């Protein structure tokens, strides 16, 4: 069962993931100074419960040889 979430709510939670994400793969929030800070975990869990992607998806350019003709 997924939780209802607006596109705006999902976008804000994705921003939280970036803001509270680890720095250079260090595994530590650069705001809170702890690994897997509560703010990041809550944002991740809410996106997951709503069945939303953790990152914004963008269409990729067609780079196949057929697409370059």
Protein backbone atom coordinates (compact mmCIF):
# COMPACT_ATOMS: atom_id res chain seq x y z
CA UNK A 1 0.00 0.00 0.00
CA UNK A 2 1.46 3.36 -1.00
CA UNK A 3 0.93 6.68 0.71
CA UNK A 4 -0.50 9.62 -1.26
CA UNK A 5 2.05 12.35 -1.92
CA UNK A 6 1.98 15.37 -4.20
CA UNK A 7 4.75 16.01 -6.72
CA UNK A 8 5.73 19.09 -4.71
CA UNK A 9 6.07 17.06 -1.49
CA UNK A 10 8.18 14.47 -3.29
CA UNK A 11 10.41 17.17 -4.76
CA UNK A 12 10.99 18.73 -1.33
CA UNK A 13 11.84 15.35 0.20
CA UNK A 14 14.34 14.73 -2.61
CA UNK A 15 15.94 18.07 -1.72
CA UNK A 16 16.17 16.92 1.90
CA UNK A 17 17.99 13.77 0.76
CA UNK A 18 20.54 15.94 -1.02
CA UNK A 19 20.85 18.48 1.82
CA UNK A 20 21.34 15.79 4.46
CA UNK A 21 23.19 13.31 2.28
CA UNK A 22 26.71 12.14 2.99
CA UNK A 23 29.63 14.24 1.81
CA UNK A 24 31.88 12.52 -0.72
CA UNK A 25 30.63 9.11 0.34
CA UNK A 26 31.78 9.65 3.93
CA UNK A 27 28.46 8.34 5.25
CA UNK A 28 27.99 11.38 7.47
CA UNK A 29 25.41 14.16 7.15
CA UNK A 30 27.17 17.48 6.62
CA UNK A 31 24.39 19.29 8.55
CA UNK A 32 23.89 16.98 11.53
CA UNK A 33 27.33 15.40 11.70
CA UNK A 34 26.01 11.87 12.16
CA UNK A 35 25.74 8.86 9.89
CA UNK A 36 22.22 8.35 8.51
CA UNK A 37 20.75 11.37 10.28
CA UNK A 38 17.11 11.15 11.31
CA UNK A 39 16.05 13.88 8.84
CA UNK A 40 17.52 11.92 5.91
CA UNK A 41 16.03 8.61 7.09
CA UNK A 42 12.53 10.11 7.48
CA UNK A 43 12.66 11.69 4.02
CA UNK A 44 13.86 8.42 2.48
CA UNK A 45 11.20 6.37 4.28
CA UNK A 46 8.40 8.75 3.26
CA UNK A 47 9.44 8.62 -0.41
CA UNK A 48 9.70 4.83 -0.26
CA UNK A 49 6.28 4.47 1.41
CA UNK A 50 4.75 6.58 -1.36
CA UNK A 51 6.46 4.49 -4.04
CA UNK A 52 8.36 7.56 -5.25
CA UNK A 53 11.82 7.67 -6.76
CA UNK A 54 14.66 8.95 -4.57
CA UNK A 55 16.01 11.06 -7.44
CA UNK A 56 14.33 13.13 -10.11
CA UNK A 57 14.36 11.30 -13.41
CA UNK A 58 15.12 13.02 -16.68
CA UNK A 59 14.75 11.57 -20.16
CA UNK A 60 18.05 10.55 -21.68
CA UNK A 61 19.12 11.70 -25.11
CA UNK A 62 18.94 9.05 -27.80
CA UNK A 63 22.59 8.19 -28.38
CA UNK A 64 22.03 5.07 -30.46
CA UNK A 65 23.44 5.16 -33.99
CA UNK A 66 19.86 5.07 -35.33
CA UNK A 67 18.97 8.14 -33.25
CA UNK A 68 21.84 10.18 -34.65
CA UNK A 69 20.68 9.97 -38.25
